[in-house]
Protein backbone atom coordinates (compact mmCIF):
# COMPACT_ATOMS: atom_id res chain seq x y z
CA MET A 1 0.19 0.45 0.09
CA PRO A 2 1.05 3.80 -0.86
CA LYS A 3 1.94 5.49 1.97
CA ILE A 4 1.22 9.17 0.63
CA LEU A 5 -2.67 9.16 0.83
CA GLU A 6 -5.46 11.01 -1.25
CA LYS A 7 -8.80 11.96 0.83
CA GLU A 8 -10.72 9.42 0.24
CA ASP A 9 -8.29 6.64 0.81
CA LEU A 10 -6.97 7.74 3.88
CA VAL A 11 -10.97 8.08 5.31
CA LEU A 12 -11.19 4.20 4.12
CA LEU A 13 -7.96 3.22 6.03
CA VAL A 14 -9.20 5.15 9.03
CA SER A 15 -12.40 3.55 8.78
CA GLU A 16 -11.22 0.10 8.61
CA ILE A 17 -8.60 0.79 11.88
CA ARG A 18 -11.41 1.23 13.89
CA ARG A 19 -13.68 -1.24 12.05
CA LYS A 20 -10.79 -3.39 13.85
CA GLY A 21 -11.24 -2.35 17.16
CA GLU A 22 -7.75 -3.37 18.12
CA SER A 23 -6.22 -0.67 20.86
CA LYS A 24 -2.64 -1.34 19.55
CA ASP A 25 -4.33 0.89 16.56
CA ARG A 26 -5.26 4.04 18.29
CA ILE A 27 -4.15 6.58 15.48
CA VAL A 28 -1.71 9.32 16.37
CA LEU A 29 -1.16 12.23 14.36
CA CYS A 30 1.16 14.86 13.34
CA HIS A 31 1.01 18.05 11.40
CA GLY A 32 2.97 20.93 10.28
CA VAL A 33 5.05 22.22 7.26
CA PHE A 34 7.88 20.27 7.78
CA ASP A 35 9.74 22.04 4.84
CA LEU A 36 13.44 20.56 6.34
CA VAL A 37 12.96 17.41 7.96
CA HIS A 38 15.80 17.39 11.06
CA PRO A 39 17.02 15.17 14.23
CA GLY A 40 14.54 17.47 16.25
CA HIS A 41 11.33 16.50 13.69
CA LEU A 42 12.75 12.80 14.27
CA GLU A 43 12.83 12.47 17.85
CA HIS A 44 9.01 14.15 17.83
CA PHE A 45 8.15 11.38 15.53
CA ARG A 46 9.87 8.88 17.41
CA LYS A 47 7.92 9.72 20.75
CA ALA A 48 4.43 10.64 19.26
CA LYS A 49 4.54 7.00 17.80
CA GLU A 50 4.49 5.51 21.60
CA PHE A 51 1.02 7.02 22.32
CA GLY A 52 -0.23 4.55 19.36
CA GLU A 53 0.45 2.29 16.81
CA PHE A 54 -0.49 4.09 13.73
CA LEU A 55 1.13 7.16 13.03
CA ILE A 56 -0.48 9.63 10.26
CA VAL A 57 1.61 12.93 9.38
CA SER A 58 0.27 15.58 7.68
CA THR A 59 1.95 18.43 5.77
CA THR A 60 0.38 21.73 4.43
CA ALA A 61 0.22 22.23 0.98
CA ASP A 62 2.58 24.81 -0.69
CA LYS A 63 -0.39 27.83 -1.66
CA PHE A 64 -1.17 27.85 2.58
CA ILE A 65 2.27 28.20 3.63
CA ASN A 66 2.40 31.93 4.69
CA LYS A 67 5.99 32.00 6.08
CA GLY A 68 8.07 34.79 3.97
CA PRO A 69 10.14 35.11 1.15
CA ASN A 70 12.08 31.83 0.20
CA ARG A 71 9.74 29.42 1.77
CA PRO A 72 8.37 26.51 1.32
CA TYR A 73 12.20 25.82 0.47
CA PHE A 74 10.98 22.46 -0.80
CA ASN A 75 7.59 21.63 -2.49
CA GLN A 76 5.08 19.64 -1.04
CA GLU A 77 5.52 16.49 -3.25
CA ARG A 78 9.41 16.50 -2.03
CA ARG A 79 8.57 16.75 1.46
CA ALA A 80 5.80 14.09 1.37
CA ASP A 81 8.45 11.90 -0.29
CA PHE A 82 10.78 12.35 2.47
CA LEU A 83 8.05 12.04 5.13
CA ALA A 84 6.91 8.70 3.52
CA ALA A 85 10.60 7.26 3.64
CA LEU A 86 10.75 7.78 7.23
CA GLU A 87 9.95 3.90 8.90
CA LEU A 88 8.48 5.99 11.78
CA VAL A 89 5.45 7.10 9.85
CA ASP A 90 2.87 4.97 8.24
CA VAL A 91 0.90 7.65 6.53
CA VAL A 92 1.68 10.64 4.59
CA TYR A 93 -1.45 13.42 3.62
CA VAL A 94 -0.95 16.79 1.86
CA GLU A 95 -3.40 18.94 3.95
CA ASN A 96 -5.27 21.32 1.59
CA SER A 97 -6.01 24.07 4.06
CA ASP A 98 -4.00 26.56 6.01
CA SER A 99 -4.52 24.52 9.47
CA ALA A 100 -5.04 20.85 10.51
CA LEU A 101 -8.83 21.23 11.21
CA GLU A 102 -10.31 19.24 8.15
CA VAL A 103 -7.49 16.59 8.83
CA ILE A 104 -8.07 16.32 12.66
CA ASN A 105 -11.81 15.72 11.81
CA LEU A 106 -11.33 13.37 8.84
CA VAL A 107 -8.81 11.07 10.78
CA ARG A 108 -10.66 11.61 14.73
CA PRO A 109 -6.85 10.99 16.00
CA ASN A 110 -7.01 9.46 19.63
CA PHE A 111 -3.89 11.64 20.06
CA TYR A 112 -2.34 14.62 18.23
CA VAL A 113 0.85 15.49 19.04
CA LYS A 114 2.43 18.63 19.15
CA GLY A 115 6.45 19.48 19.88
CA PRO A 116 7.28 21.63 22.83
CA ASP A 117 7.22 25.11 21.40
CA TYR A 118 3.32 24.59 21.46
CA ARG A 119 3.37 23.56 24.91
CA THR A 120 2.34 26.91 26.11
CA LEU A 121 -1.04 27.53 23.61
CA HIS A 122 -0.83 31.25 24.11
CA GLU A 123 2.68 31.24 22.44
CA ASP A 124 1.21 30.21 19.21
CA ILE A 125 1.06 33.40 16.98
CA THR A 126 -1.66 31.86 14.59
CA GLY A 127 -3.87 31.06 17.64
CA LYS A 128 -5.23 27.98 15.76
CA ILE A 129 -3.94 25.37 18.08
CA PHE A 130 -7.11 26.39 20.45
CA LEU A 131 -9.30 25.30 17.42
CA GLU A 132 -7.28 22.08 16.86
CA LYS A 133 -7.34 21.68 20.61
CA GLU A 134 -11.02 21.92 20.26
CA ALA A 135 -11.39 19.92 17.25
CA VAL A 136 -9.70 16.73 18.51
CA GLU A 137 -11.36 16.62 21.85
CA LYS A 138 -14.71 17.23 20.20
CA HIS A 139 -13.80 13.71 19.01
CA GLY A 140 -12.78 11.87 21.71
CA GLY A 141 -9.07 12.37 21.48
CA GLN A 142 -6.59 14.36 23.45
CA LEU A 143 -4.10 16.81 22.23
CA VAL A 144 -0.29 16.09 24.20
CA PHE A 145 2.77 17.34 23.71
CA THR A 146 6.25 15.71 23.08
CA ASP A 147 9.43 16.86 24.92
CA GLY A 148 13.45 17.35 23.82
CA PHE A 149 15.05 19.13 21.21
CA THR A 150 13.79 21.86 18.60
CA SER A 151 14.82 24.20 15.49
CA SER A 152 12.67 25.61 13.72
CA SER A 153 12.83 24.62 10.08
CA THR A 154 13.25 28.36 8.71
CA THR A 155 15.97 29.08 10.81
CA LEU A 156 17.92 26.31 9.57
CA ILE A 157 16.97 26.95 5.85
CA ASN A 158 17.72 30.22 6.43
CA ASP A 159 21.26 29.78 8.07
CA SER A 160 22.09 26.64 5.99
CA LEU A 161 20.54 26.62 2.56
CA VAL A 162 19.59 30.13 1.76
CA PHE A 163 22.05 32.65 3.49
CA GLN A 164 24.86 30.19 5.02
CA ASP A 165 27.71 32.34 6.85
CA GLY A 166 27.90 34.83 4.43
CA PRO A 167 27.29 38.61 4.46
CA ILE A 168 23.67 38.23 5.12
CA ARG A 169 24.14 35.96 8.11
CA LYS A 170 27.38 38.67 9.42
CA TRP A 171 24.36 41.74 8.74
CA ILE A 172 21.73 39.68 11.02
CA ARG A 173 24.35 39.28 13.75
CA LYS A 174 25.07 43.05 13.37
CA TYR A 175 21.33 44.35 13.42
CA LYS A 176 20.44 41.85 16.29
CA GLU A 177 23.28 43.94 18.34
CA LYS A 178 21.29 46.60 17.72
CA ILE A 179 17.44 45.61 17.77
CA SER A 180 16.45 42.43 19.69
CA LEU A 181 14.03 40.14 18.11
CA GLU A 182 10.71 41.34 20.98
CA GLU A 183 11.66 44.95 19.44
CA THR A 184 11.12 44.21 16.15
CA ILE A 185 7.74 42.01 16.65
CA GLY A 186 6.90 45.11 18.94
CA TRP A 187 7.14 47.04 15.99
CA ILE A 188 4.90 44.69 13.55
CA ASP A 189 2.37 44.71 16.34
CA GLN A 190 2.00 48.58 16.39
CA LEU A 191 1.40 48.69 12.64
CA ARG A 192 -2.17 47.05 13.79
CA THR A 193 -3.09 50.47 15.46
CA LEU A 194 -2.72 52.18 11.53
CA ASP A 195 -5.56 54.00 9.35
CA VAL A 196 -4.03 54.36 6.03
CA CYS A 197 -5.28 55.96 3.10
CA ILE A 198 -3.99 55.47 -0.30
CA VAL A 199 -3.75 57.52 -3.25
CA GLY A 200 -3.22 56.86 -7.12
CA GLU A 201 -3.90 55.29 -10.34
CA THR A 202 -5.31 51.46 -10.65
CA ILE A 203 -3.25 49.79 -12.50
CA ILE A 204 -4.74 46.01 -13.77
CA ASP A 205 -1.04 43.79 -14.37
CA ALA A 206 -2.15 41.37 -17.22
CA TYR A 207 0.98 38.19 -17.92
CA THR A 208 0.62 36.30 -20.67
CA SER A 209 2.54 33.20 -21.41
CA CYS A 210 4.10 31.83 -24.43
CA LYS A 211 7.09 29.93 -25.93
CA PRO A 212 8.98 31.13 -29.00
CA LEU A 213 8.54 28.99 -32.44
CA SER A 214 11.08 30.62 -34.92
CA LYS A 215 11.79 33.88 -36.91
CA SER A 216 8.78 34.66 -38.93
CA SER A 217 9.08 33.97 -42.51
CA LYS A 218 8.04 37.20 -44.27
CA ASP A 219 9.70 39.74 -41.36
CA PRO A 220 12.69 39.84 -39.00
CA ILE A 221 10.60 39.53 -35.97
CA LEU A 222 10.00 36.19 -33.80
CA ALA A 223 6.98 34.60 -33.51
CA PHE A 224 5.25 32.87 -30.15
CA HIS A 225 2.49 30.47 -29.57
CA ARG A 226 0.63 32.22 -26.85
CA PHE A 227 -0.88 30.27 -23.37
CA THR A 228 -2.81 31.77 -20.67
CA THR A 229 -3.34 35.05 -19.14
CA GLN A 230 -3.42 35.87 -15.76
CA LYS A 231 -4.51 38.79 -14.26
CA PHE A 232 -3.59 40.53 -11.16
CA MET A 233 -4.70 43.96 -9.29
CA GLY A 234 -1.74 46.76 -9.57
CA GLY A 235 -1.16 50.08 -8.61
CA VAL A 236 -2.73 51.17 -5.60
CA LEU A 237 -5.29 48.38 -5.45
CA ALA A 238 -1.99 46.15 -4.64
CA ILE A 239 -0.65 49.06 -2.09
CA ALA A 240 -3.87 48.53 -0.21
CA ASP A 241 -4.22 44.93 -0.41
CA SER A 242 -0.58 44.86 1.65
CA CYS A 243 -1.86 47.72 3.75
CA ALA A 244 -5.10 46.12 5.22
CA ASN A 245 -2.88 43.01 5.88
CA TRP A 246 -0.76 45.15 8.45
CA SER A 247 -2.93 48.04 9.32
CA LYS A 248 -6.14 48.32 11.25
CA THR A 249 -8.00 49.80 8.22
CA ALA A 250 -6.91 50.93 4.31
CA LEU A 251 -8.87 53.11 2.62
CA VAL A 252 -8.40 53.97 -1.16
CA THR A 253 -8.99 56.80 -3.41
CA THR A 254 -8.68 55.73 -7.32
CA VAL A 255 -9.87 56.20 -10.96
CA CYS A 256 -10.97 53.65 -13.14
CA GLY A 257 -12.10 53.30 -16.45
CA LYS A 258 -16.02 51.88 -17.47
CA ASP A 259 -14.29 48.53 -17.93
CA PHE A 260 -13.07 47.92 -14.41
CA LYS A 261 -15.81 45.38 -13.23
CA ILE A 262 -15.02 43.26 -16.33
CA HIS A 263 -11.26 42.89 -14.88
CA SER A 264 -12.43 42.80 -11.59
CA ASN A 265 -14.80 39.65 -12.15
CA GLU A 266 -12.02 38.15 -14.08
CA ILE A 267 -9.44 38.12 -11.05
CA ASN A 268 -12.31 37.55 -8.56
CA LYS A 269 -10.54 38.81 -5.52
CA LYS A 270 -12.20 39.82 -2.57
CA TYR A 271 -11.01 43.58 -1.31
CA LYS A 272 -9.83 43.87 2.34
CA TYR A 273 -9.94 47.39 2.28
CA GLU A 274 -12.21 50.32 1.84
CA LEU A 275 -12.62 51.38 -2.03
CA ASN A 276 -13.71 54.44 -3.14
CA LEU A 277 -13.72 54.35 -6.86
CA ILE A 278 -14.20 57.07 -8.80
CA GLU A 279 -15.17 56.10 -12.67
CA GLU A 280 -13.54 58.23 -15.77
CA GLN A 281 -15.60 57.90 -18.81
CA ALA A 282 -13.33 58.83 -21.18
CA SER A 283 -10.69 56.66 -20.25
CA PRO A 284 -10.32 52.66 -20.19
CA THR A 285 -8.61 51.16 -16.83
CA ILE A 286 -4.94 50.76 -17.12
CA VAL A 287 -4.06 47.92 -17.94
CA LYS A 288 -0.32 46.47 -18.45
CA HIS A 289 0.42 43.29 -21.00
CA ARG A 290 3.15 41.83 -20.00
CA PHE A 291 4.10 38.58 -22.01
CA TYR A 292 7.06 35.89 -20.89
CA ASP A 293 8.90 33.38 -21.88
CA LEU A 294 6.90 30.33 -20.13
CA ASN A 295 10.33 28.26 -19.86
CA SER A 296 12.16 31.18 -18.08
CA GLY A 297 10.35 33.50 -17.19
CA ASN A 298 11.71 36.26 -18.93
CA ARG A 299 9.80 39.10 -20.68
CA VAL A 300 9.25 39.08 -24.49
CA PHE A 301 7.00 41.97 -25.00
CA GLU A 302 4.71 44.77 -22.95
CA TYR A 303 2.50 46.76 -24.25
CA TYR A 304 -0.19 49.36 -21.99
CA ASP A 305 -3.77 49.99 -22.32
CA PHE A 306 -3.95 53.94 -20.85
CA ASN A 307 -5.18 57.31 -21.99
CA PRO A 308 -1.71 59.40 -22.18
CA GLU A 309 -3.91 62.65 -21.38
CA SER A 310 -4.86 63.74 -17.91
CA ILE A 311 -8.06 63.26 -16.78
CA SER A 312 -11.42 65.25 -17.06
CA GLU A 313 -11.60 68.08 -14.57
CA THR A 314 -14.78 66.63 -13.38
CA THR A 315 -13.26 63.80 -12.07
CA GLN A 316 -10.06 65.61 -10.64
CA GLN A 317 -13.02 67.71 -8.77
CA LYS A 318 -14.20 64.18 -7.44
CA ILE A 319 -10.94 63.34 -6.36
CA LEU A 320 -10.78 66.53 -4.56
CA GLU A 321 -13.79 65.94 -2.90
CA SER A 322 -12.71 62.44 -1.57
CA ILE A 323 -9.36 63.31 -0.87
CA GLY A 324 -10.45 66.43 1.34
CA ARG A 325 -12.50 64.79 3.58
CA GLN A 326 -9.77 62.30 4.38
CA LEU A 327 -7.28 64.96 5.33
CA ASN A 328 -6.50 65.63 8.88
CA SER A 329 -3.56 66.36 11.52
CA ASN A 330 -3.56 61.92 12.17
CA SER A 331 -3.95 60.95 8.58
CA LEU A 332 -1.49 58.62 7.00
CA LEU A 333 -1.29 59.29 3.23
CA LEU A 334 0.15 57.26 0.67
CA VAL A 335 0.49 58.83 -2.84
CA ALA A 336 1.34 55.93 -5.69
CA ASP A 337 2.21 58.51 -8.53
CA TYR A 338 2.60 56.39 -11.17
CA GLY A 339 2.28 59.24 -13.90
CA HIS A 340 -0.58 58.57 -15.82
CA GLY A 341 -2.84 61.83 -15.33
CA PHE A 342 -3.94 61.20 -11.52
CA PHE A 343 -2.25 63.72 -10.23
CA ALA A 344 -3.04 67.30 -11.47
CA ASP A 345 -1.60 70.39 -9.83
CA GLU A 346 -4.27 70.96 -7.71
CA LEU A 347 -4.45 67.91 -6.45
CA ILE A 348 -0.73 67.93 -5.58
CA LYS A 349 -1.01 71.58 -4.07
CA LYS A 350 -3.77 70.15 -1.45
CA LEU A 351 -1.67 66.96 -0.43
CA CYS A 352 1.26 68.81 0.40
CA GLU A 353 -0.67 71.89 1.52
CA SER A 354 -2.09 69.67 4.17
CA ASN A 355 -1.40 68.17 8.16
CA ALA A 356 -1.28 64.71 6.88
CA PHE A 357 2.07 62.54 7.03
CA LEU A 358 2.53 62.34 3.56
CA ALA A 359 4.32 59.30 2.17
CA VAL A 360 5.31 59.45 -2.08
CA ASN A 361 6.83 57.17 -4.59
CA THR A 362 6.67 58.94 -7.98
CA GLN A 363 7.62 55.89 -10.65
CA ALA A 364 9.35 55.82 -13.74
CA ASN A 365 7.74 53.95 -16.42
CA ALA A 366 7.67 53.14 -20.33
CA GLY A 367 4.57 55.60 -20.23
CA ASN A 368 6.09 58.43 -18.43
CA ARG A 369 10.10 57.89 -18.24
CA GLY A 370 12.07 61.59 -17.30
CA PHE A 371 8.75 63.09 -16.96
CA ASN A 372 7.24 61.80 -13.80
CA THR A 373 9.70 62.65 -10.58
CA PHE A 374 9.08 63.49 -6.84
CA SER A 375 10.09 66.96 -7.67
CA LYS A 376 6.64 67.98 -8.11
CA TYR A 377 5.74 67.83 -4.23
CA PRO A 378 7.17 70.54 -2.47
CA ARG A 379 6.61 68.44 0.37
CA ILE A 380 7.29 64.65 1.56
CA ASP A 381 7.52 63.05 5.07
CA PHE A 382 8.48 59.77 3.61
CA LEU A 383 10.13 59.48 0.05
CA SER A 384 10.64 56.26 -1.45
CA LEU A 385 11.77 55.55 -5.05
CA ASN A 386 14.72 53.55 -6.93
CA GLY A 387 18.45 54.25 -7.73
CA GLY A 388 17.53 54.10 -11.20
CA GLU A 389 14.41 57.21 -10.82
CA LEU A 390 16.88 59.07 -8.86
CA GLU A 391 19.64 59.33 -11.81
CA LEU A 392 16.87 60.31 -13.98
CA GLU A 393 15.68 63.07 -11.02
CA LEU A 394 19.52 64.21 -11.02
CA ARG A 395 20.19 63.73 -14.38
CA LYS A 396 23.45 61.98 -13.55
CA LYS A 397 24.74 58.19 -13.44
CA GLU A 398 26.89 56.64 -10.94
CA LEU A 399 25.41 58.70 -7.57
CA HIS A 400 27.07 58.59 -4.48
CA TYR A 401 23.49 58.46 -2.47
CA GLU A 402 25.24 59.10 0.92
CA GLU A 403 25.98 62.40 -0.43
CA VAL A 404 22.88 63.32 -2.22
CA VAL A 405 19.70 62.03 -0.50
CA PRO A 406 20.81 63.64 2.72
CA GLU A 407 19.99 66.97 0.65
CA ILE A 408 16.97 66.00 -0.93
CA VAL A 409 15.47 64.60 2.74
CA LYS A 410 16.39 68.12 3.89
CA GLU A 411 15.01 70.04 0.92
CA LYS A 412 11.57 68.13 1.00
CA GLY A 413 11.59 67.90 5.07
CA CYS A 414 11.90 64.44 4.98
CA ARG A 415 11.15 62.21 8.17
CA ASN A 416 12.76 59.17 6.53
CA ALA A 417 13.61 58.39 2.47
CA VAL A 418 14.37 55.02 1.31
CA VAL A 419 16.15 53.99 -1.96
CA THR A 420 15.71 50.44 -3.28
CA LEU A 421 18.21 49.36 -5.65
CA GLY A 422 17.35 45.91 -6.68
CA GLY A 423 19.49 43.01 -5.86
CA ASP A 424 21.71 45.38 -3.93
CA GLY A 425 19.36 45.88 -1.35
CA LEU A 426 17.96 49.24 -0.10
CA LEU A 427 19.44 52.24 2.00
CA VAL A 428 17.29 54.12 4.51
CA PHE A 429 17.99 57.67 5.51
CA ASP A 430 16.57 59.46 8.12
CA SER A 431 16.33 63.16 8.86
CA ASN A 432 19.61 63.68 10.73
CA GLY A 433 21.40 62.27 7.17
CA SER A 434 22.62 59.34 8.58
CA VAL A 435 21.94 55.90 6.45
CA PHE A 436 21.26 52.19 7.10
CA GLU A 437 21.74 49.83 4.39
CA ALA A 438 19.87 46.65 4.26
CA PRO A 439 20.94 43.76 2.07
CA ALA A 440 17.96 41.83 -0.46
CA PHE A 441 16.49 38.57 1.12
CA ALA A 442 14.88 37.27 -2.23
CA VAL A 443 16.42 33.88 -3.48
CA LYS A 444 14.37 33.44 -6.27
CA VAL A 445 13.29 36.53 -8.34
CA VAL A 446 10.18 35.69 -10.43
CA ASP A 447 9.02 38.96 -10.86
CA LYS A 448 10.31 42.59 -9.98
CA VAL A 449 7.17 44.67 -10.84
CA GLY A 450 5.29 45.61 -7.39
CA ALA A 451 8.62 45.38 -5.08
CA GLY A 452 8.89 49.35 -4.94
CA ASP A 453 4.93 48.98 -4.10
CA SER A 454 5.63 46.70 -1.50
CA VAL A 455 8.54 49.00 0.27
CA LEU A 456 6.05 52.38 -0.05
CA ALA A 457 3.53 50.31 2.11
CA MET A 458 5.61 49.10 4.61
CA ALA A 459 8.54 51.70 4.96
CA SER A 460 5.75 54.37 4.96
CA MET A 461 3.98 52.99 8.21
CA LEU A 462 6.76 52.05 10.18
CA SER A 463 8.21 55.90 9.64
CA TYR A 464 4.98 56.92 10.50
CA LEU A 465 5.35 55.17 13.85
CA ASN A 466 8.64 56.66 13.95
CA ALA A 467 10.30 53.59 13.97
CA PRO A 468 14.15 53.02 13.53
CA LYS A 469 15.57 52.61 10.53
CA GLU A 470 17.12 49.13 11.08
CA VAL A 471 13.68 48.23 11.45
CA ILE A 472 12.34 49.74 8.41
CA GLY A 473 15.50 48.49 6.19
CA LEU A 474 14.67 44.82 7.61
CA LEU A 475 10.66 44.64 7.26
CA SER A 476 10.73 46.46 4.46
CA SER A 477 13.85 43.84 2.41
CA VAL A 478 11.60 40.97 3.76
CA ILE A 479 8.24 42.44 1.88
CA ALA A 480 9.93 43.13 -1.34
CA ALA A 481 11.34 39.90 -1.10
CA PHE A 482 7.87 38.21 -0.68
CA GLU A 483 6.62 40.27 -3.27
CA VAL A 484 9.23 39.42 -6.19
CA SER A 485 8.99 35.82 -5.68
CA GLN A 486 5.82 35.62 -7.22
CA LEU A 487 4.20 36.53 -10.31
CA GLY A 488 2.20 39.81 -10.42
CA HIS A 489 0.51 40.75 -7.26
CA LYS A 490 -0.87 37.22 -6.11
CA ASP A 491 -0.78 37.27 -2.42
CA SER A 492 0.51 39.63 0.35
CA LEU A 493 2.53 38.60 3.30
CA ASP A 494 0.36 38.67 6.26
CA ILE A 495 0.92 39.85 9.64
CA ILE A 496 1.59 35.96 11.02
CA GLY A 497 3.73 35.30 8.03
CA LEU A 498 5.82 37.86 8.76
CA LYS A 499 6.23 37.17 12.57
CA LYS A 500 7.10 33.82 11.32
CA TYR A 501 9.48 35.01 8.73
CA VAL A 502 11.57 37.35 11.13
CA ILE A 503 11.88 34.79 14.06
CA GLY A 504 13.36 32.72 11.51
CA LEU A 505 15.65 34.97 11.06
CA LEU A 506 16.63 36.27 13.80
CA GLY A 507 15.59 33.63 16.68
């Protein structure tokens, strides 16, 4: 009999065991990610087997693992195969949900066995252990714990497989000399107190996979075979999705075309934020189409659907009225300026004259390159930009950021500024002109689009809270690494996933 079972086969097997009614066949269940099986897991399984004769180990499916960048390191098939190779384990099951509740209800174990790090139930940051305990006891089972060696798979993966003992491990040791794990988690918890307002353009990111065929017989161009198209919420909606995962509330004011509902229905994603959508009849919703090679993931072609003209005066007035209701002395206002006509001069003037904490990112892209820079904002409390955008702003290459950025911070009155440098990480500046460098944590880069948006979201919130620049750098790099590990803005890392990754990194 195979050891890795599907749902129907697992139900049949458990029913057969219970039909026999032999006490020696008491059922034991262990559940976890088991991304990297280590001696602590083996000891855990060995002690779990002492509670009964039949040990079932369930592992969480890939799509429900939210432990930060680079996770899971091994996919669900490899993890299941490794568990099945252990003589101690009788059956392996891949749980297609984000907790053990479903498999507990399927198996109805006599003993549900967790490791010693779960013994104090209130220390489980997910809170799911309470629901699992209730489900086990409902079926007459018992939640029990093993003792002994413990070690985090995340920590081992980061130490041994991802970062090893190189520059990033040294950077982490230096970070911990200044900021403790407990302090870092404390700043993450403070994000939950914030009410965030986001303003800017709605963008739909469309990705079409294709494979190259050959050169066209009549023209000097390459022909492709087109496959599937996926759409994701981009622009301010991607930023709002991230903010809503971390903050108390998130409110978006944005403009779309009358075709937005069609795109929204295709994406079919529930909004976690309050959406104030202003329709612009004269323009389509901005859609950025990207064609990528199915095998390599490399981009081969890109085009935009958008109206290059400024939005109508009627729509501008609606934006002004809507944003005016949001501006007050306590506002945290994120401005995502993609340079497609949303931010008219009157709106910029209103934003900069308000008492809100103003976080700004002006992006350079194919539709505005060289014409959309942060200089049009006379006041900025938090500034986010990448190295290339700064070069365009200053019309100079090979910048010494430590010299030019403090001058910008002083001129605009910034509390903080972040310069993202792709694979070289990012720089965080404060109002005193000092700088903190954070490395790039990404191991696998699938799509760089959206990394700057995620940094704007996280770093501006932390800057508003007046967090140390070290914390801004660490958490912004973690969020950026998560964003580039997926195609489009498919998901955002939630508070629990962020905490788990930071614990694995600093623990």
